[in-house]
Amino acid sequence: MIELLVVIVIIGILAGMGIAQYKQTVYKAQEAKALAEMAQIKKAIRLLEVETGKTIGGFSIGTCVQNPEFKMVGCAGGLLCKEEVAKPTNSGQEFDFGKKWAGPYIDKSVLIDPWGTPYEFDWDFVCYNNPKYAQKECNGKSVISAIMSYGPDRSGSYKDNIIIPFCVPK
């Protein structure tokens, strides 16, 4: 009887270790997918710049740190659709991509992260709030422009956000 209990305990321990490893593997796969999709978004923004002479949100190319944020699934950023006159979130600035806009520049399915939340373009991502990416991606700067996923917790709390830099101020 004792041998049977020992075997059951060992099986339980091994199963627990396997579940933990499985969760970590799933997270790594989701993170890799998010990084690949954000790289696609970055390429789409660069194409938007080449064709229209404007960057996401209708700002001048070379603009690095501003205030408005953009959810990637709407028209305000300019990747999916073009509003005749749009206003980015929180900016009050009006812009027009003009007749050169030839989008959409990316498929809408790419704009939702693996956790079901729209990717965001953050003009003023605060690097020190996210220690995982602070040194690696921010290049010693405290604020950069970044393409961001809210990560598994789906909140803007920064603790598990995943980013790729779009523009790092000089």
N, C-alpha and C. Protein backbone atom coordinates (compact mmCIF):
# COMPACT_ATOMS: atom_id res chain seq x y z
N MET A 1 0.80 -1.19 0.00
CA MET A 1 0.00 0.00 0.00
C MET A 1 0.86 1.27 0.00
N ILE A 2 1.92 1.26 0.79
CA ILE A 2 2.81 2.42 0.85
C ILE A 2 3.47 2.66 -0.50
N GLU A 3 3.85 1.56 -1.17
CA GLU A 3 4.47 1.69 -2.49
C GLU A 3 3.51 2.37 -3.47
N LEU A 4 2.25 2.03 -3.40
CA LEU A 4 1.25 2.62 -4.27
C LEU A 4 1.12 4.12 -4.00
N LEU A 5 1.11 4.51 -2.73
CA LEU A 5 1.05 5.93 -2.37
C LEU A 5 2.27 6.68 -2.89
N VAL A 6 3.45 6.08 -2.75
CA VAL A 6 4.68 6.71 -3.25
C VAL A 6 4.60 6.90 -4.76
N VAL A 7 4.13 5.90 -5.47
CA VAL A 7 3.99 6.00 -6.93
C VAL A 7 3.00 7.11 -7.30
N ILE A 8 1.88 7.18 -6.59
CA ILE A 8 0.88 8.22 -6.86
C ILE A 8 1.46 9.61 -6.60
N VAL A 9 2.21 9.77 -5.52
CA VAL A 9 2.84 11.06 -5.20
C VAL A 9 3.84 11.43 -6.29
N ILE A 10 4.65 10.48 -6.72
CA ILE A 10 5.63 10.75 -7.78
C ILE A 10 4.93 11.16 -9.07
N ILE A 11 3.87 10.46 -9.43
CA ILE A 11 3.11 10.81 -10.64
C ILE A 11 2.53 12.22 -10.50
N GLY A 12 2.02 12.56 -9.33
CA GLY A 12 1.48 13.90 -9.09
C GLY A 12 2.54 14.98 -9.24
N ILE A 13 3.72 14.72 -8.70
CA ILE A 13 4.82 15.69 -8.81
C ILE A 13 5.23 15.87 -10.27
N LEU A 14 5.38 14.76 -10.97
CA LEU A 14 5.76 14.85 -12.39
C LEU A 14 4.69 15.57 -13.22
N ALA A 15 3.43 15.29 -12.93
CA ALA A 15 2.34 15.97 -13.65
C ALA A 15 2.37 17.47 -13.37
N GLY A 16 2.59 17.85 -12.12
CA GLY A 16 2.68 19.27 -11.77
C GLY A 16 3.81 19.97 -12.49
N MET A 17 4.96 19.31 -12.57
CA MET A 17 6.10 19.88 -13.29
C MET A 17 5.80 20.00 -14.77
N GLY A 18 5.12 19.00 -15.31
CA GLY A 18 4.77 19.03 -16.74
C GLY A 18 3.81 20.16 -17.07
N ILE A 19 2.83 20.40 -16.21
CA ILE A 19 1.87 21.48 -16.44
C ILE A 19 2.58 22.83 -16.39
N ALA A 20 3.46 23.02 -15.42
CA ALA A 20 4.19 24.29 -15.33
C ALA A 20 5.04 24.51 -16.58
N GLN A 21 5.71 23.46 -17.04
CA GLN A 21 6.54 23.57 -18.24
C GLN A 21 5.68 23.86 -19.46
N TYR A 22 4.51 23.24 -19.53
CA TYR A 22 3.59 23.46 -20.65
C TYR A 22 3.15 24.92 -20.69
N LYS A 23 2.78 25.48 -19.54
CA LYS A 23 2.35 26.88 -19.48
C LYS A 23 3.46 27.81 -19.94
N GLN A 24 4.69 27.53 -19.53
CA GLN A 24 5.83 28.35 -19.93
C GLN A 24 6.06 28.26 -21.44
N THR A 25 5.92 27.06 -21.99
CA THR A 25 6.10 26.86 -23.43
C THR A 25 5.03 27.60 -24.22
N VAL A 26 3.79 27.54 -23.75
CA VAL A 26 2.69 28.26 -24.42
C VAL A 26 2.96 29.76 -24.38
N TYR A 27 3.39 30.29 -23.23
CA TYR A 27 3.68 31.72 -23.13
C TYR A 27 4.79 32.12 -24.10
N LYS A 28 5.85 31.33 -24.17
CA LYS A 28 6.95 31.66 -25.08
C LYS A 28 6.48 31.67 -26.53
N ALA A 29 5.61 30.74 -26.89
CA ALA A 29 5.06 30.71 -28.26
C ALA A 29 4.20 31.94 -28.51
N GLN A 30 3.38 32.32 -27.55
CA GLN A 30 2.54 33.51 -27.70
C GLN A 30 3.39 34.78 -27.80
N GLU A 31 4.44 34.86 -26.99
CA GLU A 31 5.34 36.01 -27.04
C GLU A 31 6.02 36.09 -28.41
N ALA A 32 6.48 34.96 -28.92
CA ALA A 32 7.13 34.94 -30.24
C ALA A 32 6.16 35.38 -31.33
N LYS A 33 4.91 34.92 -31.24
CA LYS A 33 3.90 35.33 -32.22
C LYS A 33 3.66 36.84 -32.13
N ALA A 34 3.54 37.37 -30.92
CA ALA A 34 3.32 38.81 -30.74
C ALA A 34 4.48 39.61 -31.33
N LEU A 35 5.70 39.19 -31.07
CA LEU A 35 6.86 39.91 -31.61
C LEU A 35 6.88 39.87 -33.13
N ALA A 36 6.53 38.72 -33.72
CA ALA A 36 6.49 38.61 -35.18
C ALA A 36 5.40 39.51 -35.77
N GLU A 37 4.23 39.53 -35.13
CA GLU A 37 3.15 40.38 -35.63
C GLU A 37 3.49 41.86 -35.48
N MET A 38 4.14 42.23 -34.39
CA MET A 38 4.53 43.63 -34.22
C MET A 38 5.58 44.03 -35.25
N ALA A 39 6.46 43.10 -35.62
CA ALA A 39 7.42 43.39 -36.69
C ALA A 39 6.69 43.63 -38.01
N GLN A 40 5.62 42.87 -38.28
CA GLN A 40 4.81 43.09 -39.48
C GLN A 40 4.15 44.47 -39.43
N ILE A 41 3.66 44.85 -38.27
CA ILE A 41 3.03 46.17 -38.11
C ILE A 41 4.05 47.27 -38.38
N LYS A 42 5.26 47.09 -37.87
CA LYS A 42 6.31 48.09 -38.08
C LYS A 42 6.59 48.24 -39.57
N LYS A 43 6.66 47.13 -40.30
CA LYS A 43 6.88 47.20 -41.75
C LYS A 43 5.72 47.90 -42.45
N ALA A 44 4.50 47.64 -41.99
CA ALA A 44 3.32 48.29 -42.59
C ALA A 44 3.37 49.80 -42.36
N ILE A 45 3.81 50.21 -41.18
CA ILE A 45 3.92 51.65 -40.90
C ILE A 45 4.98 52.27 -41.81
N ARG A 46 6.09 51.58 -42.00
CA ARG A 46 7.14 52.11 -42.89
C ARG A 46 6.62 52.24 -44.33
N LEU A 47 5.80 51.28 -44.78
CA LEU A 47 5.21 51.37 -46.12
C LEU A 47 4.25 52.56 -46.19
N LEU A 48 3.44 52.76 -45.16
CA LEU A 48 2.56 53.92 -45.08
C LEU A 48 3.38 55.21 -45.22
N GLU A 49 4.52 55.27 -44.56
CA GLU A 49 5.38 56.45 -44.63
C GLU A 49 5.90 56.68 -46.05
N VAL A 50 6.34 55.61 -46.69
CA VAL A 50 6.88 55.73 -48.05
C VAL A 50 5.81 56.23 -49.01
N GLU A 51 4.61 55.69 -48.89
CA GLU A 51 3.56 56.04 -49.85
C GLU A 51 2.90 57.38 -49.59
N THR A 52 2.77 57.78 -48.32
CA THR A 52 2.01 59.00 -48.02
C THR A 52 2.86 60.17 -47.55
N GLY A 53 4.09 59.91 -47.16
CA GLY A 53 4.90 60.98 -46.59
C GLY A 53 4.54 61.30 -45.15
N LYS A 54 3.70 60.47 -44.54
CA LYS A 54 3.29 60.65 -43.14
C LYS A 54 3.49 59.34 -42.40
N THR A 55 3.71 59.44 -41.10
CA THR A 55 3.81 58.23 -40.30
C THR A 55 2.46 57.95 -39.65
N ILE A 56 2.40 56.94 -38.84
CA ILE A 56 1.14 56.55 -38.21
C ILE A 56 0.50 57.74 -37.50
N GLY A 57 -0.79 57.86 -37.64
CA GLY A 57 -1.49 58.98 -37.03
C GLY A 57 -1.41 60.26 -37.83
N GLY A 58 -0.76 60.22 -38.99
CA GLY A 58 -0.66 61.41 -39.82
C GLY A 58 0.42 62.38 -39.42
N PHE A 59 1.30 61.98 -38.51
CA PHE A 59 2.39 62.86 -38.10
C PHE A 59 3.48 62.88 -39.17
N SER A 60 4.31 63.91 -39.11
CA SER A 60 5.43 64.01 -40.03
C SER A 60 6.41 62.88 -39.76
N ILE A 61 7.02 62.38 -40.82
CA ILE A 61 8.05 61.35 -40.65
C ILE A 61 9.21 61.95 -39.88
N GLY A 62 9.76 61.17 -38.97
CA GLY A 62 10.86 61.66 -38.14
C GLY A 62 10.39 62.10 -36.76
N THR A 63 9.07 62.24 -36.60
CA THR A 63 8.52 62.54 -35.28
C THR A 63 8.79 61.32 -34.42
N CYS A 64 9.41 61.52 -33.27
CA CYS A 64 9.76 60.34 -32.47
C CYS A 64 8.91 60.20 -31.22
N VAL A 65 8.78 61.22 -30.42
CA VAL A 65 8.01 61.07 -29.19
C VAL A 65 6.92 62.12 -29.16
N GLN A 66 5.68 61.67 -29.12
CA GLN A 66 4.49 62.52 -29.03
C GLN A 66 3.66 62.01 -27.87
N ASN A 67 2.41 62.40 -27.81
CA ASN A 67 1.55 61.90 -26.74
C ASN A 67 0.47 60.93 -27.19
N PRO A 68 -0.18 61.08 -28.33
CA PRO A 68 -1.33 60.22 -28.60
C PRO A 68 -0.96 58.75 -28.76
N GLU A 69 -1.87 57.89 -28.32
CA GLU A 69 -1.73 56.45 -28.53
C GLU A 69 -2.78 56.01 -29.54
N PHE A 70 -2.51 54.94 -30.26
CA PHE A 70 -3.44 54.44 -31.26
C PHE A 70 -3.66 52.96 -31.06
N LYS A 71 -4.91 52.55 -30.97
CA LYS A 71 -5.24 51.14 -31.08
C LYS A 71 -5.12 50.82 -32.55
N MET A 72 -4.47 49.75 -32.90
CA MET A 72 -4.18 49.46 -34.29
C MET A 72 -5.40 49.07 -35.12
N VAL A 73 -6.52 48.73 -34.50
CA VAL A 73 -7.65 48.23 -35.27
C VAL A 73 -8.53 49.32 -35.86
N GLY A 74 -8.33 50.58 -35.52
CA GLY A 74 -9.17 51.66 -36.04
C GLY A 74 -8.54 52.37 -37.23
N CYS A 75 -9.22 53.40 -37.71
CA CYS A 75 -8.74 54.17 -38.86
C CYS A 75 -7.75 55.26 -38.47
N ALA A 76 -7.73 55.69 -37.22
CA ALA A 76 -6.92 56.84 -36.83
C ALA A 76 -5.44 56.66 -37.16
N GLY A 77 -4.92 55.46 -37.05
CA GLY A 77 -3.52 55.24 -37.36
C GLY A 77 -3.21 55.25 -38.84
N GLY A 78 -4.18 54.85 -39.66
CA GLY A 78 -4.00 54.88 -41.10
C GLY A 78 -3.58 53.59 -41.75
N LEU A 79 -3.43 52.50 -40.99
CA LEU A 79 -2.98 51.24 -41.59
C LEU A 79 -4.10 50.48 -42.27
N LEU A 80 -5.30 50.50 -41.68
CA LEU A 80 -6.42 49.71 -42.20
C LEU A 80 -7.32 50.50 -43.14
N CYS A 81 -7.58 51.73 -42.79
CA CYS A 81 -8.52 52.53 -43.55
C CYS A 81 -8.11 53.99 -43.41
N LYS A 82 -8.67 54.79 -44.29
CA LYS A 82 -8.32 56.20 -44.32
C LYS A 82 -9.58 57.01 -44.06
N GLU A 83 -9.57 57.77 -43.00
CA GLU A 83 -10.65 58.72 -42.78
C GLU A 83 -10.27 59.98 -43.54
N GLU A 84 -11.25 60.67 -44.07
CA GLU A 84 -10.94 61.90 -44.82
C GLU A 84 -10.22 62.90 -43.93
N VAL A 85 -10.72 63.10 -42.74
CA VAL A 85 -10.04 63.91 -41.74
C VAL A 85 -10.20 63.16 -40.42
N ALA A 86 -9.10 62.81 -39.81
CA ALA A 86 -9.16 62.02 -38.57
C ALA A 86 -8.48 62.78 -37.44
N LYS A 87 -8.85 62.43 -36.24
CA LYS A 87 -8.20 63.00 -35.06
C LYS A 87 -7.65 61.86 -34.22
N PRO A 88 -6.33 61.83 -34.01
CA PRO A 88 -5.76 60.81 -33.14
C PRO A 88 -6.28 60.97 -31.71
N THR A 89 -6.29 59.88 -30.98
CA THR A 89 -6.73 59.89 -29.58
C THR A 89 -5.95 60.93 -28.79
N ASN A 90 -6.64 61.74 -28.03
CA ASN A 90 -6.06 62.71 -27.08
C ASN A 90 -5.26 63.85 -27.70
N SER A 91 -5.15 63.97 -29.02
CA SER A 91 -4.27 65.00 -29.55
C SER A 91 -5.00 66.25 -30.00
N GLY A 92 -6.22 66.10 -30.52
CA GLY A 92 -6.93 67.24 -31.07
C GLY A 92 -6.42 67.65 -32.44
N GLN A 93 -5.29 67.09 -32.86
CA GLN A 93 -4.71 67.42 -34.16
C GLN A 93 -5.50 66.74 -35.26
N GLU A 94 -5.79 67.48 -36.32
CA GLU A 94 -6.44 66.89 -37.49
C GLU A 94 -5.37 66.61 -38.53
N PHE A 95 -5.57 65.57 -39.30
CA PHE A 95 -4.62 65.25 -40.35
C PHE A 95 -5.34 64.61 -41.51
N ASP A 96 -4.64 64.53 -42.62
CA ASP A 96 -5.17 63.89 -43.82
C ASP A 96 -3.98 63.22 -44.51
N PHE A 97 -4.12 61.94 -44.83
CA PHE A 97 -3.04 61.25 -45.53
C PHE A 97 -2.98 61.64 -47.00
N GLY A 98 -4.01 62.28 -47.49
CA GLY A 98 -4.02 62.72 -48.88
C GLY A 98 -4.34 61.60 -49.85
N LYS A 99 -4.18 61.89 -51.12
CA LYS A 99 -4.55 60.95 -52.18
C LYS A 99 -3.54 59.83 -52.35
N LYS A 100 -2.40 59.93 -51.72
CA LYS A 100 -1.36 58.91 -51.89
C LYS A 100 -1.64 57.65 -51.07
N TRP A 101 -2.59 57.70 -50.16
CA TRP A 101 -2.90 56.54 -49.32
C TRP A 101 -3.40 55.42 -50.21
N ALA A 102 -2.75 54.25 -50.13
CA ALA A 102 -3.11 53.12 -51.00
C ALA A 102 -3.32 51.84 -50.19
N GLY A 103 -3.74 51.99 -48.95
CA GLY A 103 -3.92 50.84 -48.07
C GLY A 103 -5.17 50.04 -48.39
N PRO A 104 -5.51 49.10 -47.57
CA PRO A 104 -4.90 48.84 -46.27
C PRO A 104 -3.48 48.28 -46.40
N TYR A 105 -2.69 48.58 -45.40
CA TYR A 105 -1.28 48.19 -45.41
C TYR A 105 -1.02 46.90 -44.65
N ILE A 106 -2.04 46.38 -43.99
CA ILE A 106 -1.88 45.15 -43.22
C ILE A 106 -3.25 44.49 -43.06
N ASP A 107 -3.26 43.19 -42.89
CA ASP A 107 -4.51 42.47 -42.66
C ASP A 107 -4.97 42.70 -41.22
N LYS A 108 -6.25 42.91 -41.05
CA LYS A 108 -6.81 43.20 -39.73
C LYS A 108 -6.52 42.10 -38.72
N SER A 109 -6.43 40.86 -39.16
CA SER A 109 -6.20 39.74 -38.23
C SER A 109 -4.86 39.85 -37.51
N VAL A 110 -3.90 40.54 -38.11
CA VAL A 110 -2.57 40.68 -37.51
C VAL A 110 -2.60 41.71 -36.38
N LEU A 111 -3.63 42.51 -36.29
CA LEU A 111 -3.65 43.62 -35.35
C LEU A 111 -4.19 43.26 -33.97
N ILE A 112 -4.50 41.99 -33.74
CA ILE A 112 -4.96 41.51 -32.44
C ILE A 112 -3.90 40.56 -31.88
N ASP A 113 -3.45 40.82 -30.67
CA ASP A 113 -2.38 40.00 -30.10
C ASP A 113 -2.88 38.60 -29.70
N PRO A 114 -1.97 37.69 -29.35
CA PRO A 114 -2.37 36.31 -29.02
C PRO A 114 -3.32 36.21 -27.82
N TRP A 115 -3.45 37.26 -27.04
CA TRP A 115 -4.33 37.25 -25.88
C TRP A 115 -5.67 37.95 -26.18
N GLY A 116 -5.88 38.34 -27.44
CA GLY A 116 -7.16 38.90 -27.86
C GLY A 116 -7.31 40.40 -27.71
N THR A 117 -6.22 41.11 -27.48
CA THR A 117 -6.25 42.56 -27.29
C THR A 117 -5.61 43.25 -28.50
N PRO A 118 -6.16 44.37 -28.96
CA PRO A 118 -5.52 45.07 -30.09
C PRO A 118 -4.12 45.56 -29.72
N TYR A 119 -3.20 45.46 -30.67
CA TYR A 119 -1.89 46.07 -30.47
C TYR A 119 -2.07 47.57 -30.39
N GLU A 120 -1.14 48.23 -29.73
CA GLU A 120 -1.21 49.68 -29.58
C GLU A 120 0.09 50.30 -30.04
N PHE A 121 -0.02 51.47 -30.65
CA PHE A 121 1.16 52.26 -30.96
C PHE A 121 1.26 53.31 -29.87
N ASP A 122 2.33 53.26 -29.10
CA ASP A 122 2.51 54.17 -27.97
C ASP A 122 3.67 55.12 -28.28
N TRP A 123 3.33 56.38 -28.50
CA TRP A 123 4.35 57.38 -28.83
C TRP A 123 5.27 57.66 -27.66
N ASP A 124 4.82 57.40 -26.44
CA ASP A 124 5.64 57.74 -25.28
C ASP A 124 5.68 56.58 -24.28
N PHE A 125 6.18 55.44 -24.75
CA PHE A 125 6.33 54.26 -23.91
C PHE A 125 7.40 54.55 -22.85
N VAL A 126 7.05 54.36 -21.59
CA VAL A 126 7.97 54.63 -20.48
C VAL A 126 8.78 53.37 -20.20
N CYS A 127 10.04 53.42 -20.55
CA CYS A 127 10.89 52.22 -20.51
C CYS A 127 11.10 51.66 -19.11
N TYR A 128 11.30 52.50 -18.14
CA TYR A 128 11.64 51.98 -16.81
C TYR A 128 10.50 51.26 -16.13
N ASN A 129 9.28 51.38 -16.64
CA ASN A 129 8.15 50.65 -16.06
C ASN A 129 8.12 49.19 -16.49
N ASN A 130 8.95 48.81 -17.44
CA ASN A 130 8.94 47.46 -17.98
C ASN A 130 10.36 46.93 -17.97
N PRO A 131 10.81 46.35 -16.85
CA PRO A 131 12.21 45.96 -16.73
C PRO A 131 12.68 44.95 -17.76
N LYS A 132 11.78 44.10 -18.28
CA LYS A 132 12.21 43.09 -19.25
C LYS A 132 12.74 43.74 -20.52
N TYR A 133 12.13 44.83 -20.94
CA TYR A 133 12.52 45.47 -22.19
C TYR A 133 13.32 46.75 -22.00
N ALA A 134 13.43 47.24 -20.77
CA ALA A 134 14.05 48.54 -20.53
C ALA A 134 15.47 48.63 -21.08
N GLN A 135 16.32 47.70 -20.75
CA GLN A 135 17.70 47.77 -21.21
C GLN A 135 17.84 47.33 -22.66
N LYS A 136 17.14 46.26 -23.00
CA LYS A 136 17.29 45.64 -24.31
C LYS A 136 16.80 46.54 -25.44
N GLU A 137 15.61 47.08 -25.31
CA GLU A 137 14.99 47.80 -26.42
C GLU A 137 15.09 49.31 -26.32
N CYS A 138 15.23 49.85 -25.13
CA CYS A 138 15.17 51.30 -24.96
C CYS A 138 16.51 51.99 -25.14
N ASN A 139 17.58 51.23 -25.21
CA ASN A 139 18.90 51.78 -25.49
C ASN A 139 19.27 52.92 -24.54
N GLY A 140 18.94 52.75 -23.28
CA GLY A 140 19.29 53.75 -22.28
C GLY A 140 18.37 54.95 -22.20
N LYS A 141 17.36 55.03 -23.05
CA LYS A 141 16.42 56.15 -23.04
C LYS A 141 15.29 55.84 -22.06
N SER A 142 14.67 56.88 -21.52
CA SER A 142 13.57 56.65 -20.59
C SER A 142 12.22 56.56 -21.30
N VAL A 143 12.09 57.20 -22.47
CA VAL A 143 10.84 57.19 -23.22
C VAL A 143 11.16 56.94 -24.69
N ILE A 144 10.43 56.02 -25.31
CA ILE A 144 10.58 55.74 -26.73
C ILE A 144 9.20 55.62 -27.36
N SER A 145 9.15 55.60 -28.68
CA SER A 145 7.92 55.23 -29.39
C SER A 145 7.98 53.73 -29.62
N ALA A 146 6.87 53.04 -29.35
CA ALA A 146 6.90 51.58 -29.43
C ALA A 146 5.57 51.02 -29.91
N ILE A 147 5.65 49.86 -30.52
CA ILE A 147 4.47 49.06 -30.83
C ILE A 147 4.36 48.08 -29.67
N MET A 148 3.16 47.96 -29.12
CA MET A 148 3.02 47.28 -27.84
C MET A 148 1.85 46.30 -27.80
N SER A 149 2.09 45.18 -27.13
CA SER A 149 1.03 44.25 -26.75
C SER A 149 0.88 44.36 -25.24
N TYR A 150 -0.36 44.32 -24.76
CA TYR A 150 -0.58 44.36 -23.31
C TYR A 150 -0.22 43.05 -22.63
N GLY A 151 0.10 42.01 -23.38
CA GLY A 151 0.52 40.74 -22.81
C GLY A 151 -0.62 39.96 -22.19
N PRO A 152 -0.28 38.90 -21.44
CA PRO A 152 -1.29 37.99 -20.90
C PRO A 152 -2.29 38.64 -19.96
N ASP A 153 -1.89 39.70 -19.23
CA ASP A 153 -2.85 40.30 -18.30
C ASP A 153 -3.80 41.28 -18.98
N ARG A 154 -3.54 41.57 -20.26
CA ARG A 154 -4.41 42.43 -21.09
C ARG A 154 -4.63 43.82 -20.51
N SER A 155 -3.68 44.31 -19.73
CA SER A 155 -3.82 45.65 -19.16
C SER A 155 -2.57 46.46 -19.49
N GLY A 156 -2.69 47.75 -19.35
CA GLY A 156 -1.56 48.63 -19.62
C GLY A 156 -0.65 48.79 -18.43
N SER A 157 -0.61 47.81 -17.55
CA SER A 157 0.15 47.94 -16.30
C SER A 157 1.66 47.86 -16.50
N TYR A 158 2.11 47.57 -17.69
CA TYR A 158 3.53 47.50 -18.06
C TYR A 158 4.25 46.25 -17.58
N LYS A 159 3.78 45.57 -16.53
CA LYS A 159 4.58 44.48 -15.96
C LYS A 159 4.83 43.34 -16.93
N ASP A 160 3.87 43.06 -17.83
CA ASP A 160 4.09 41.98 -18.79
C ASP A 160 3.88 42.44 -20.23
N ASN A 161 3.87 43.75 -20.44
CA ASN A 161 3.72 44.25 -21.81
C ASN A 161 4.91 43.81 -22.66
N ILE A 162 4.64 43.58 -23.92
CA ILE A 162 5.67 43.18 -24.87
C ILE A 162 5.78 44.31 -25.88
N ILE A 163 6.99 44.75 -26.16
CA ILE A 163 7.16 45.88 -27.08
C ILE A 163 8.22 45.59 -28.12
N ILE A 164 8.12 46.31 -29.23
CA ILE A 164 9.27 46.48 -30.11
C ILE A 164 9.39 47.98 -30.33
N PRO A 165 10.60 48.51 -30.32
CA PRO A 165 10.75 49.95 -30.50
C PRO A 165 10.42 50.36 -31.93
N PHE A 166 9.80 51.50 -32.07
CA PHE A 166 9.57 52.08 -33.39
C PHE A 166 10.56 53.21 -33.62
N CYS A 167 10.75 54.03 -32.61
CA CYS A 167 11.67 55.15 -32.72
C CYS A 167 12.29 55.39 -31.35
N VAL A 168 13.60 55.43 -31.29
CA VAL A 168 14.31 55.72 -30.06
C VAL A 168 14.97 57.08 -30.25
N PRO A 169 14.61 58.09 -29.42
CA PRO A 169 15.19 59.42 -29.59
C PRO A 169 16.71 59.38 -29.51
N LYS A 170 17.32 60.27 -30.23
CA LYS A 170 18.80 60.33 -30.22
C LYS A 170 19.29 61.13 -29.06
